[in-house]
Amino acid sequence: MKIAVASEGTLVAEHFGHCEGFTIFDAQDKKIVNKQFVANPGHRPGFLPVFLHEQGTNVIISGGMGPGAIEIFNENDIEVITGATGDAET
């Protein structure tokens, strides 16, 4: 499973579209087995959900996200979790 966290440095970003990038965790048996940072390639309507889908993402975690983005993530079979704060790795 790949979990992307919209990140500002080591923290969860308040809004995924304007984040510095995405910390992407590979999880296996409920443990993190790999972590990488992917810079945000730019905020354009509808682009980031498809971009993260192409990265193999299964889940996106962010502080906040608009309803249009949530819909596109859902169309790409990516679970959306909003309301997150604090350290991205936690």
Protein backbone atom coordinates (compact mmCIF):
# COMPACT_ATOMS: atom_id res chain seq x y z
CA MET A 1 0.00 0.00 0.00
CA LYS A 2 1.23 3.50 -0.83
CA ILE A 3 0.17 6.34 1.43
CA ALA A 4 0.82 9.92 0.32
CA VAL A 5 0.85 12.71 2.88
CA ALA A 6 0.61 16.29 1.64
CA SER A 7 3.64 17.80 3.36
CA GLU A 8 5.26 21.10 4.29
CA GLY A 9 8.67 20.03 5.50
CA THR A 10 7.99 17.32 8.07
CA LEU A 11 4.42 18.49 8.79
CA VAL A 12 1.07 17.63 7.23
CA ALA A 13 0.09 20.49 4.90
CA GLU A 14 -3.15 22.34 5.55
CA HIS A 15 -4.18 22.08 1.89
CA PHE A 16 -2.90 19.36 -0.41
CA GLY A 17 -2.90 21.41 -3.63
CA HIS A 18 -0.55 24.07 -2.33
CA CYS A 19 1.80 21.80 -0.38
CA GLU A 20 5.55 21.68 -0.84
CA GLY A 21 5.29 18.03 -1.84
CA PHE A 22 4.16 14.57 -0.86
CA THR A 23 5.80 12.20 1.56
CA ILE A 24 4.97 8.79 0.13
CA PHE A 25 5.16 5.79 2.44
CA ASP A 26 5.18 2.18 1.30
CA ALA A 27 3.46 0.11 3.97
CA GLN A 28 3.51 -3.64 4.36
CA ASP A 29 1.95 -5.57 7.24
CA LYS A 30 1.08 -2.23 8.93
CA LYS A 31 4.74 -1.14 8.93
CA ILE A 32 6.52 1.52 6.88
CA VAL A 33 9.06 -0.20 4.64
CA ASN A 34 10.04 2.78 2.48
CA LYS A 35 9.63 6.56 2.46
CA GLN A 36 10.29 9.08 -0.29
CA PHE A 37 9.52 12.75 -0.89
CA VAL A 38 8.07 13.84 -4.22
CA ALA A 39 7.97 17.58 -4.92
CA ASN A 40 4.60 19.06 -5.85
CA PRO A 41 4.75 19.35 -9.65
CA GLY A 42 2.33 22.30 -9.56
CA HIS A 43 -1.27 22.97 -8.68
CA ARG A 44 -3.61 22.70 -11.65
CA PRO A 45 -7.26 21.71 -11.34
CA GLY A 46 -7.63 17.92 -11.57
CA PHE A 47 -3.92 17.23 -12.08
CA LEU A 48 -2.65 16.11 -8.66
CA PRO A 49 -5.13 13.25 -8.12
CA VAL A 50 -4.09 11.75 -11.46
CA PHE A 51 -0.39 12.41 -10.73
CA LEU A 52 -0.61 10.60 -7.38
CA HIS A 53 -2.58 7.76 -8.98
CA GLU A 54 0.29 7.35 -11.47
CA GLN A 55 2.68 7.12 -8.47
CA GLY A 56 0.66 4.11 -7.27
CA THR A 57 -0.94 5.93 -4.34
CA ASN A 58 -3.78 4.17 -2.50
CA VAL A 59 -4.43 6.77 0.22
CA ILE A 60 -3.95 10.57 0.42
CA ILE A 61 -3.75 12.29 3.81
CA SER A 62 -4.04 16.05 4.08
CA GLY A 63 -5.19 18.82 6.37
CA GLY A 64 -7.86 19.91 3.91
CA MET A 65 -9.08 19.42 0.38
CA GLY A 66 -11.89 20.71 -1.82
CA PRO A 67 -14.86 18.56 -2.84
CA GLY A 68 -13.81 18.50 -6.51
CA ALA A 69 -10.41 17.05 -5.65
CA ILE A 70 -11.98 14.48 -3.34
CA GLU A 71 -14.26 13.38 -6.17
CA ILE A 72 -11.33 12.97 -8.59
CA PHE A 73 -9.34 11.02 -6.00
CA ASN A 74 -12.33 8.72 -5.48
CA GLU A 75 -12.64 8.24 -9.26
CA ASN A 76 -8.98 7.13 -9.21
CA ASP A 77 -9.62 4.63 -6.38
CA ILE A 78 -7.63 6.67 -3.86
CA GLU A 79 -9.00 6.91 -0.31
CA VAL A 80 -9.06 10.48 1.03
CA ILE A 81 -8.37 11.33 4.68
CA THR A 82 -8.61 15.00 5.65
CA GLY A 83 -8.34 16.82 8.95
CA ALA A 84 -4.83 15.55 9.67
CA THR A 85 -2.31 17.76 11.47
CA GLY A 86 1.14 17.43 12.94
CA ASP A 87 4.09 15.31 11.93
CA ALA A 88 3.60 13.68 8.48
CA GLU A 89 5.30 10.45 9.52
CA THR A 90 3.10 10.01 12.58
